[in-house]
C-alpha atoms as a PDB file:
ATOM      1  CA  MET A   1       0.300   0.156  -0.192  1.00  0.00           C
ATOM      2  CA  ASP A   2       1.763   3.217  -1.072  1.00  0.00           C
ATOM      3  CA  LEU A   3       1.431   5.705   1.710  1.00  0.00           C
ATOM      4  CA  ASP A   4       2.987   8.757  -0.244  1.00  0.00           C
ATOM      5  CA  PRO A   5       0.772  11.846   0.999  1.00  0.00           C
ATOM      6  CA  THR A   6       1.695  13.834  -2.781  1.00  0.00           C
ATOM      7  CA  LYS A   7       0.810  11.089  -4.703  1.00  0.00           C
ATOM      8  CA  ASN A   8      -2.284  10.555  -2.924  1.00  0.00           C
ATOM      9  CA  ASP A   9      -3.521  14.552  -2.851  1.00  0.00           C
ATOM     10  CA  LEU A  10      -2.199  14.967  -6.340  1.00  0.00           C
ATOM     11  CA  PRO A  11      -5.233  12.784  -8.561  1.00  0.00           C
ATOM     12  CA  SER A  12      -7.439  14.279  -6.290  1.00  0.00           C
ATOM     13  CA  ALA A  13      -6.466  17.781  -6.646  1.00  0.00           C
ATOM     14  CA  GLU A  14      -6.481  17.178 -10.389  1.00  0.00           C
ATOM     15  CA  ARG A  15     -10.395  16.049  -9.982  1.00  0.00           C
ATOM     16  CA  ASP A  16     -11.196  18.776  -8.095  1.00  0.00           C
ATOM     17  CA  LEU A  17      -9.877  20.759 -11.062  1.00  0.00           C
ATOM     18  CA  ALA A  18     -11.467  19.135 -13.680  1.00  0.00           C
ATOM     19  CA  LYS A  19     -14.501  19.575 -11.870  1.00  0.00           C
ATOM     20  CA  ASN A  20     -13.861  23.289 -11.148  1.00  0.00           C
ATOM     21  CA  ASN A  21     -13.381  23.701 -15.264  1.00  0.00           C
ATOM     22  CA  HIS A  22     -16.350  21.986 -16.002  1.00  0.00           C
ATOM     23  CA  GLN A  23     -18.644  24.213 -13.719  1.00  0.00           C
ATOM     24  CA  PRO A  24     -20.172  27.374 -15.512  1.00  0.00           C
ATOM     25  CA  PRO A  25     -18.482  30.808 -14.871  1.00  0.00           C
ATOM     26  CA  ALA A  26     -20.017  32.747 -11.834  1.00  0.00           C
ATOM     27  CA  THR A  27     -18.200  36.153 -11.951  1.00  0.00           C
ATOM     28  CA  ALA A  28     -15.973  38.137 -14.401  1.00  0.00           C
ATOM     29  CA  GLU A  29     -12.460  37.458 -13.259  1.00  0.00           C
ATOM     30  CA  GLU A  30     -13.015  33.867 -13.234  1.00  0.00           C
ATOM     31  CA  LEU A  31     -14.977  33.522 -16.897  1.00  0.00           C
ATOM     32  CA  LEU A  32     -11.402  36.023 -17.916  1.00  0.00           C
ATOM     33  CA  ALA A  33      -9.152  34.032 -16.580  1.00  0.00           C
ATOM     34  CA  ARG A  34     -10.503  30.558 -18.139  1.00  0.00           C
ATOM     35  CA  TYR A  35     -10.799  32.207 -21.414  1.00  0.00           C
ATOM     36  CA  ALA A  36      -7.412  33.553 -21.151  1.00  0.00           C
ATOM     37  CA  ALA A  37      -6.484  29.549 -20.390  1.00  0.00           C
ATOM     38  CA  GLY A  38      -8.291  28.716 -23.930  1.00  0.00           C
ATOM     39  CA  GLU A  39     -11.529  27.708 -22.242  1.00  0.00           C
ATOM     40  CA  ARG A  40     -14.738  28.460 -24.483  1.00  0.00           C
ATOM     41  CA  ALA A  41     -17.335  26.364 -23.067  1.00  0.00           C
ATOM     42  CA  PHE A  42     -19.210  28.565 -20.715  1.00  0.00           C
ATOM     43  CA  ALA A  43     -22.696  27.627 -21.672  1.00  0.00           C
ATOM     44  CA  GLY A  44     -25.048  28.250 -18.558  1.00  0.00           C
ATOM     45  CA  ALA A  45     -22.723  31.101 -17.261  1.00  0.00           C
ATOM     46  CA  ARG A  46     -24.182  32.853 -13.755  1.00  0.00           C
ATOM     47  CA  LEU A  47     -22.643  36.159 -14.707  1.00  0.00           C
ATOM     48  CA  SER A  48     -25.717  38.516 -13.892  1.00  0.00           C
ATOM     49  CA  LYS A  49     -24.618  42.353 -13.265  1.00  0.00           C
ATOM     50  CA  ALA A  50     -20.887  41.431 -14.277  1.00  0.00           C
ATOM     51  CA  TYR A  51     -18.526  43.908 -15.383  1.00  0.00           C
ATOM     52  CA  LEU A  52     -17.205  42.673 -18.651  1.00  0.00           C
ATOM     53  CA  GLN A  53     -16.369  46.218 -20.344  1.00  0.00           C
ATOM     54  CA  GLY A  54     -14.134  46.093 -22.898  1.00  0.00           C
ATOM     55  CA  ALA A  55     -13.518  42.103 -22.567  1.00  0.00           C
ATOM     56  CA  GLN A  56     -12.268  40.180 -25.832  1.00  0.00           C
ATOM     57  CA  LEU A  57     -14.845  36.853 -25.517  1.00  0.00           C
ATOM     58  CA  SER A  58     -14.888  36.036 -29.072  1.00  0.00           C
ATOM     59  CA  GLY A  59     -16.277  32.393 -30.091  1.00  0.00           C
ATOM     60  CA  ALA A  60     -17.285  31.380 -26.955  1.00  0.00           C
ATOM     61  CA  ASP A  61     -20.288  29.713 -25.969  1.00  0.00           C
ATOM     62  CA  PHE A  62     -22.758  31.536 -23.420  1.00  0.00           C
ATOM     63  CA  SER A  63     -25.841  29.480 -24.486  1.00  0.00           C
ATOM     64  CA  GLU A  64     -28.193  30.066 -21.612  1.00  0.00           C
ATOM     65  CA  ALA A  65     -25.945  32.154 -19.980  1.00  0.00           C
ATOM     66  CA  ASN A  66     -27.107  35.346 -17.782  1.00  0.00           C
ATOM     67  CA  PHE A  67     -26.124  38.225 -18.825  1.00  0.00           C
ATOM     68  CA  SER A  68     -29.134  40.132 -17.134  1.00  0.00           C
ATOM     69  CA  ASP A  69     -27.886  43.749 -15.744  1.00  0.00           C
ATOM     70  CA  ALA A  70     -23.976  42.774 -16.896  1.00  0.00           C
ATOM     71  CA  ASN A  71     -22.355  45.542 -18.530  1.00  0.00           C
ATOM     72  CA  LEU A  72     -20.855  44.637 -21.828  1.00  0.00           C
ATOM     73  CA  GLU A  73     -19.648  47.314 -23.186  1.00  0.00           C
ATOM     74  CA  GLU A  74     -17.596  47.555 -26.281  1.00  0.00           C
ATOM     75  CA  ALA A  75     -17.195  43.554 -25.762  1.00  0.00           C
ATOM     76  CA  ASP A  76     -16.052  41.060 -28.162  1.00  0.00           C
ATOM     77  CA  LEU A  77     -18.263  39.343 -28.957  1.00  0.00           C
ATOM     78  CA  ARG A  78     -17.300  38.104 -32.560  1.00  0.00           C
ATOM     79  CA  ASP A  79     -19.134  34.478 -33.391  1.00  0.00           C
ATOM     80  CA  ALA A  80     -20.178  34.054 -29.631  1.00  0.00           C
ATOM     81  CA  ILE A  81     -22.983  31.997 -28.823  1.00  0.00           C
ATOM     82  CA  LEU A  82     -25.818  33.229 -27.511  1.00  0.00           C
ATOM     83  CA  GLN A  83     -29.047  31.075 -28.085  1.00  0.00           C
ATOM     84  CA  GLY A  84     -31.110  31.600 -25.127  1.00  0.00           C
ATOM     85  CA  ALA A  85     -28.777  33.847 -23.362  1.00  0.00           C
ATOM     86  CA  ASN A  86     -30.775  36.463 -20.952  1.00  0.00           C
ATOM     87  CA  LEU A  87     -29.877  39.727 -22.438  1.00  0.00           C
ATOM     88  CA  GLN A  88     -33.015  41.709 -20.005  1.00  0.00           C
ATOM     89  CA  ARG A  89     -31.227  45.137 -19.235  1.00  0.00           C
ATOM     90  CA  THR A  90     -28.048  44.254 -20.462  1.00  0.00           C
ATOM     91  CA  VAL A  91     -25.031  46.849 -21.478  1.00  0.00           C
ATOM     92  CA  LEU A  92     -24.534  46.025 -25.337  1.00  0.00           C
ATOM     93  CA  ARG A  93     -23.727  49.574 -26.457  1.00  0.00           C
ATOM     94  CA  ASP A  94     -20.559  49.940 -28.847  1.00  0.00           C
ATOM     95  CA  VAL A  95     -20.457  46.112 -28.429  1.00  0.00           C
ATOM     96  CA  ASN A  96     -18.661  43.599 -31.676  1.00  0.00           C
ATOM     97  CA  LEU A  97     -21.844  41.134 -32.230  1.00  0.00           C
ATOM     98  CA  GLU A  98     -20.205  39.863 -35.528  1.00  0.00           C
ATOM     99  CA  ASN A  99     -22.026  36.873 -36.838  1.00  0.00           C
ATOM    100  CA  VAL A 100     -24.104  36.011 -33.828  1.00  0.00           C
ATOM    101  CA  ASP A 101     -27.146  34.209 -33.521  1.00  0.00           C
ATOM    102  CA  LEU A 102     -29.271  36.558 -31.346  1.00  0.00           C
ATOM    103  CA  THR A 103     -32.628  35.298 -33.186  1.00  0.00           C
ATOM    104  CA  LYS A 104     -33.489  32.981 -28.994  1.00  0.00           C
ATOM    105  CA  ALA A 105     -31.681  35.652 -26.937  1.00  0.00           C
ATOM    106  CA  ASN A 106     -33.914  36.810 -24.080  1.00  0.00           C
ATOM    107  CA  GLY A 107     -34.966  39.964 -22.955  1.00  0.00           C
ATOM    108  CA  LEU A 108     -33.309  41.848 -25.667  1.00  0.00           C
ATOM    109  CA  LEU A 109     -34.635  45.309 -27.721  1.00  0.00           C
ATOM    110  CA  PRO A 110     -33.412  47.110 -30.045  1.00  0.00           C
ATOM    111  CA  ALA A 111     -32.531  49.792 -27.878  1.00  0.00           C
ATOM    112  CA  GLN A 112     -29.734  48.050 -26.213  1.00  0.00           C
ATOM    113  CA  LEU A 113     -27.815  47.579 -29.332  1.00  0.00           C
ATOM    114  CA  GLY A 114     -26.565  51.147 -30.082  1.00  0.00           C
ATOM    115  CA  GLY A 115     -23.302  51.529 -31.657  1.00  0.00           C
ATOM    116  CA  ALA A 116     -23.107  48.078 -31.920  1.00  0.00           C
ATOM    117  CA  ASN A 117     -21.575  46.156 -34.571  1.00  0.00           C
ATOM    118  CA  LEU A 118     -24.015  43.456 -36.307  1.00  0.00           C
ATOM    119  CA  CYS A 119     -22.384  43.133 -39.377  1.00  0.00           C
ATOM    120  CA  GLY A 120     -23.562  39.254 -40.187  1.00  0.00           C
ATOM    121  CA  ALA A 121     -25.678  38.865 -37.311  1.00  0.00           C
ATOM    122  CA  ARG A 122     -29.232  37.443 -36.874  1.00  0.00           C
ATOM    123  CA  LEU A 123     -31.713  39.215 -35.051  1.00  0.00           C
ATOM    124  CA  PRO A 124     -35.562  38.773 -33.773  1.00  0.00           C
ATOM    125  CA  ASP A 125     -37.834  39.262 -35.979  1.00  0.00           C
ATOM    126  CA  ARG A 126     -40.107  41.743 -33.950  1.00  0.00           C
ATOM    127  CA  PHE A 127     -36.740  43.567 -34.870  1.00  0.00           C
ATOM    128  CA  GLY A 128     -38.287  44.732 -38.237  1.00  0.00           C
ATOM    129  CA  ASP A 129     -36.156  47.109 -39.756  1.00  0.00           C
ATOM    130  CA  PHE A 130     -35.439  49.420 -37.028  1.00  0.00           C
ATOM    131  CA  ASP A 131     -38.262  51.603 -36.522  1.00  0.00           C
ATOM    132  CA  GLY A 132     -35.522  54.577 -35.292  1.00  0.00           C
ATOM    133  CA  LEU A 133     -34.196  54.901 -39.070  1.00  0.00           C
ATOM    134  CA  LYS A 134     -37.630  56.232 -39.926  1.00  0.00           C
ATOM    135  CA  ILE A 135     -37.761  58.378 -36.535  1.00  0.00           C
ATOM    136  CA  VAL A 136     -33.970  60.010 -37.654  1.00  0.00           C
ATOM    137  CA  GLU A 137     -35.325  60.664 -41.388  1.00  0.00           C
ATOM    138  CA  GLU A 138     -38.519  62.777 -39.599  1.00  0.00           C
ATOM    139  CA  GLU A 139     -35.644  64.489 -37.513  1.00  0.00           C
ATOM    140  CA  SER A 140     -33.232  65.195 -39.971  1.00  0.00           C
ATOM    141  CA  LYS A 141     -35.968  66.607 -42.438  1.00  0.00           C
ATOM    142  CA  ASN A 142     -37.337  69.068 -39.850  1.00  0.00           C
ATOM    143  CA  ALA A 143     -33.520  69.619 -38.740  1.00  0.00           C
ATOM    144  CA  ARG A 144     -32.212  70.734 -42.128  1.00  0.00           C
ATOM    145  CA  THR A 145     -35.662  72.914 -43.600  1.00  0.00           C
ATOM    146  CA  LEU A 146     -34.551  74.997 -39.864  1.00  0.00           C
ATOM    147  CA  PHE A 147     -30.990  75.031 -40.645  1.00  0.00           C
ATOM    148  CA  PHE A 148     -31.387  76.446 -43.882  1.00  0.00           C
ATOM    149  CA  GLY A 149     -34.491  78.984 -42.948  1.00  0.00           C
ATOM    150  CA  ILE A 150     -31.617  80.379 -40.367  1.00  0.00           C
ATOM    151  CA  LEU A 151     -29.350  80.672 -43.353  1.00  0.00           C
ATOM    152  CA  LEU A 152     -31.795  82.410 -45.280  1.00  0.00           C
ATOM    153  CA  ALA A 153     -32.670  84.821 -42.612  1.00  0.00           C
ATOM    154  CA  CYS A 154     -28.686  85.834 -41.740  1.00  0.00           C
ATOM    155  CA  VAL A 155     -28.666  86.321 -45.944  1.00  0.00           C
ATOM    156  CA  TYR A 156     -31.634  88.219 -45.235  1.00  0.00           C
ATOM    157  CA  GLY A 157     -30.085  90.280 -42.527  1.00  0.00           C
ATOM    158  CA  TRP A 158     -26.834  91.061 -43.987  1.00  0.00           C
ATOM    159  CA  LEU A 159     -28.936  92.438 -47.026  1.00  0.00           C
ATOM    160  CA  THR A 160     -30.732  94.723 -44.703  1.00  0.00           C
ATOM    161  CA  ILE A 161     -27.682  95.708 -42.774  1.00  0.00           C
ATOM    162  CA  ALA A 162     -25.600  96.398 -45.893  1.00  0.00           C
ATOM    163  CA  SER A 163     -28.543  98.586 -47.434  1.00  0.00           C
ATOM    164  CA  THR A 164     -28.911 101.123 -44.218  1.00  0.00           C
ATOM    165  CA  THR A 165     -27.055 104.108 -44.008  1.00  0.00           C
ATOM    166  CA  ASP A 166     -26.156 105.807 -40.662  1.00  0.00           C
ATOM    167  CA  VAL A 167     -28.512 108.031 -41.116  1.00  0.00           C
ATOM    168  CA  LEU A 168     -31.589 105.948 -41.533  1.00  0.00           C
ATOM    169  CA  LEU A 169     -31.049 103.935 -39.119  1.00  0.00           C
ATOM    170  CA  LEU A 170     -30.343 107.218 -36.313  1.00  0.00           C
ATOM    171  CA  THR A 171     -33.309 108.872 -37.537  1.00  0.00           C
ATOM    172  CA  ASN A 172     -35.145 105.863 -37.991  1.00  0.00           C
ATOM    173  CA  SER A 173     -36.997 107.058 -41.156  1.00  0.00           C
ATOM    174  CA  SER A 174     -36.917 103.374 -42.934  1.00  0.00           C
ATOM    175  CA  SER A 175     -38.767 100.182 -42.762  1.00  0.00           C
ATOM    176  CA  SER A 176     -37.410  96.839 -43.481  1.00  0.00           C
ATOM    177  CA  GLN A 177     -39.692  94.485 -45.782  1.00  0.00           C
ATOM    178  CA  LEU A 178     -40.511  91.093 -43.883  1.00  0.00           C
ATOM    179  CA  PRO A 179     -40.427  88.059 -46.452  1.00  0.00           C
ATOM    180  CA  VAL A 180     -43.047  85.893 -47.005  1.00  0.00           C
ATOM    181  CA  ILE A 181     -45.460  87.683 -44.557  1.00  0.00           C
ATOM    182  CA  SER A 182     -44.743  91.324 -46.751  1.00  0.00           C
ATOM    183  CA  ALA A 183     -45.234  93.019 -43.355  1.00  0.00           C
ATOM    184  CA  SER A 184     -42.794  95.969 -43.182  1.00  0.00           C
ATOM    185  CA  ILE A 185     -41.276  97.233 -39.444  1.00  0.00           C
ATOM    186  CA  PRO A 186     -39.265 100.126 -38.654  1.00  0.00           C
ATOM    187  CA  ILE A 187     -35.521  99.793 -39.373  1.00  0.00           C
ATOM    188  CA  VAL A 188     -34.387 100.151 -35.534  1.00  0.00           C
ATOM    189  CA  SER A 189     -36.914  97.594 -34.275  1.00  0.00           C
ATOM    190  CA  PHE A 190     -35.445  95.185 -37.297  1.00  0.00           C
ATOM    191  CA  TYR A 191     -32.068  95.383 -35.406  1.00  0.00           C
ATOM    192  CA  ILE A 192     -33.591  94.736 -31.988  1.00  0.00           C
ATOM    193  CA  VAL A 193     -36.091  91.874 -33.043  1.00  0.00           C
ATOM    194  CA  GLY A 194     -33.554  90.613 -35.727  1.00  0.00           C
ATOM    195  CA  PRO A 195     -31.218  89.211 -33.469  1.00  0.00           C
ATOM    196  CA  LEU A 196     -33.451  87.779 -30.553  1.00  0.00           C
ATOM    197  CA  MET A 197     -35.386  85.991 -33.153  1.00  0.00           C
ATOM    198  CA  LEU A 198     -32.505  84.283 -34.965  1.00  0.00           C
ATOM    199  CA  PHE A 199     -31.282  83.168 -31.370  1.00  0.00           C
ATOM    200  CA  VAL A 200     -34.184  81.656 -31.053  1.00  0.00           C
ATOM    201  CA  LEU A 201     -34.590  79.854 -34.098  1.00  0.00           C
ATOM    202  CA  TYR A 202     -30.709  78.749 -33.380  1.00  0.00           C
ATOM    203  CA  MET A 203     -31.724  77.519 -29.690  1.00  0.00           C
ATOM    204  CA  TYR A 204     -34.757  75.855 -31.685  1.00  0.00           C
ATOM    205  CA  LEU A 205     -32.360  74.097 -33.965  1.00  0.00           C
ATOM    206  CA  HIS A 206     -30.023  72.554 -30.667  1.00  0.00           C
ATOM    207  CA  LEU A 207     -33.196  70.930 -29.392  1.00  0.00           C
ATOM    208  CA  HIS A 208     -34.089  69.297 -33.201  1.00  0.00           C
ATOM    209  CA  LEU A 209     -30.502  68.039 -33.280  1.00  0.00           C
ATOM    210  CA  GLN A 210     -30.022  67.139 -29.655  1.00  0.00           C
ATOM    211  CA  ARG A 211     -33.162  64.793 -30.384  1.00  0.00           C
ATOM    212  CA  LEU A 212     -31.407  63.513 -33.740  1.00  0.00           C
ATOM    213  CA  TRP A 213     -28.048  62.573 -32.065  1.00  0.00           C
ATOM    214  CA  GLU A 214     -29.735  60.695 -29.485  1.00  0.00           C
ATOM    215  CA  ARG A 215     -31.849  59.025 -31.996  1.00  0.00           C
ATOM    216  CA  LEU A 216     -28.378  58.357 -34.322  1.00  0.00           C
ATOM    217  CA  ALA A 217     -27.234  56.888 -30.324  1.00  0.00           C
ATOM    218  CA  ASP A 218     -29.672  54.066 -30.425  1.00  0.00           C
ATOM    219  CA  LEU A 219     -29.123  52.571 -33.562  1.00  0.00           C
ATOM    220  CA  PRO A 220     -26.426  49.977 -34.521  1.00  0.00           C
ATOM    221  CA  ALA A 221     -23.606  51.614 -35.931  1.00  0.00           C
ATOM    222  CA  VAL A 222     -23.172  48.600 -38.408  1.00  0.00           C
ATOM    223  CA  PHE A 223     -26.544  46.428 -39.351  1.00  0.00           C
ATOM    224  CA  PRO A 224     -26.588  42.778 -40.263  1.00  0.00           C
ATOM    225  CA  ASP A 225     -26.618  43.452 -44.059  1.00  0.00           C
ATOM    226  CA  GLY A 226     -23.045  45.109 -43.201  1.00  0.00           C
ATOM    227  CA  ARG A 227     -24.053  49.048 -44.278  1.00  0.00           C
ATOM    228  CA  SER A 228     -22.986  51.411 -41.598  1.00  0.00           C
ATOM    229  CA  LEU A 229     -25.294  53.803 -39.614  1.00  0.00           C
ATOM    230  CA  GLY A 230     -23.622  56.989 -42.125  1.00  0.00           C
ATOM    231  CA  LYS A 231     -24.903  54.577 -45.160  1.00  0.00           C
ATOM    232  CA  ARG A 232     -28.289  53.728 -43.564  1.00  0.00           C
ATOM    233  CA  ALA A 233     -29.743  57.199 -42.230  1.00  0.00           C
ATOM    234  CA  TYR A 234     -31.516  59.842 -43.794  1.00  0.00           C
ATOM    235  CA  PRO A 235     -28.379  61.288 -46.217  1.00  0.00           C
ATOM    236  CA  TRP A 236     -27.619  64.968 -45.033  1.00  0.00           C
ATOM    237  CA  LEU A 237     -24.220  66.468 -44.095  1.00  0.00           C
ATOM    238  CA  LEU A 238     -24.704  66.715 -39.679  1.00  0.00           C
ATOM    239  CA  THR A 239     -25.732  62.977 -40.043  1.00  0.00           C
ATOM    240  CA  GLY A 240     -22.660  62.408 -41.951  1.00  0.00           C
ATOM    241  CA  LEU A 241     -20.885  63.197 -38.131  1.00  0.00           C
ATOM    242  CA  VAL A 242     -21.917  60.064 -36.611  1.00  0.00           C
ATOM    243  CA  TYR A 243     -18.349  58.651 -38.606  1.00  0.00           C
ATOM    244  CA  SER A 244     -16.073  60.223 -36.136  1.00  0.00           C
ATOM    245  CA  TYR A 245     -17.602  59.122 -32.940  1.00  0.00           C
ATOM    246  CA  ASN A 246     -18.044  55.101 -33.148  1.00  0.00           C
ATOM    247  CA  PRO A 247     -15.176  53.112 -33.016  1.00  0.00           C
ATOM    248  CA  TYR A 248     -16.853  50.892 -36.012  1.00  0.00           C
ATOM    249  CA  LEU A 249     -17.207  53.605 -38.369  1.00  0.00           C
ATOM    250  CA  LYS A 250     -14.049  55.345 -38.089  1.00  0.00           C
ATOM    251  CA  ASN A 251     -12.504  53.347 -40.767  1.00  0.00           C
ATOM    252  CA  ARG A 252     -15.947  52.906 -42.856  1.00  0.00           C
ATOM    253  CA  ARG A 253     -15.603  56.898 -42.890  1.00  0.00           C
ATOM    254  CA  PRO A 254     -16.150  57.574 -47.032  1.00  0.00           C
END
C-alpha cells in the first residue's frame, strides 16, 4: 500500500480542478481567467451584474447564460453563441456582435444595440428594419429645413444691414420689408428683433439636433447587411458626423 501523501493528493487535486473547470463561471474574473487559459465553453454561466466592459470573448459559447444587468459595453463577442442567453437590461453599447445569432436571446431590446457592430448577425423578427431609422429621417428633415431657414434669415439680415445707412438708422426713417408675410417694420425695430429671432431659432435648431443625436445613438453602428449607420440614415451633412464618434465607423468613413 502506497502511503506517500503527495501521490495520493495529486490525483484528487487534479480531479477537483477538472470538476471546477466544468462548472459555469460565476464571476467576471473567473470567466476572463478561464477564457485566457483557452476555454470557450461557458454555457449556463451565471454572470448577472458582471462588469465585462471591453472584454475579449470572441467565439465563446454562452448559450443559456445569464447576463442580466451585466455591462458588456465595447466587448468583443464575434462568433459567440448566445442562444437562450438572458440579456435583460444588459449594457451592449458599442459591442461587437459580428456573425452572432440573437434570434433566441431573451430580454433583448433594439435600444440596447446602440453603436453595436451587427455585421452578419441574426436578429429576432420583431426587430424588423429598426423603426428608429424612420424617426431619424423625420428629425433630419425637420432640422435641415430649420437650418436652411436660419441661413436664409442670416442672408436677409446681411442684405438689410448692407443697405442701411447711418442716417436712416439714426433717424429711424426707413422700414424693412419682412419676407413671406410682406410686413414692414421700422429699421431700428428690425435691428432689435432680428437678432433675438435668430437666437431663438438657433436654440430651437439645437433642440432638434439633440433629439437627432439621441436617436442616432440608439441605432447600431453597423447593420446585419453590413451597411453602416451613415449609409442607412437619412443623407444629410450633419448625420455624417456619426463617423467621428464610433470605433466601428471611423474606418468606414467615405
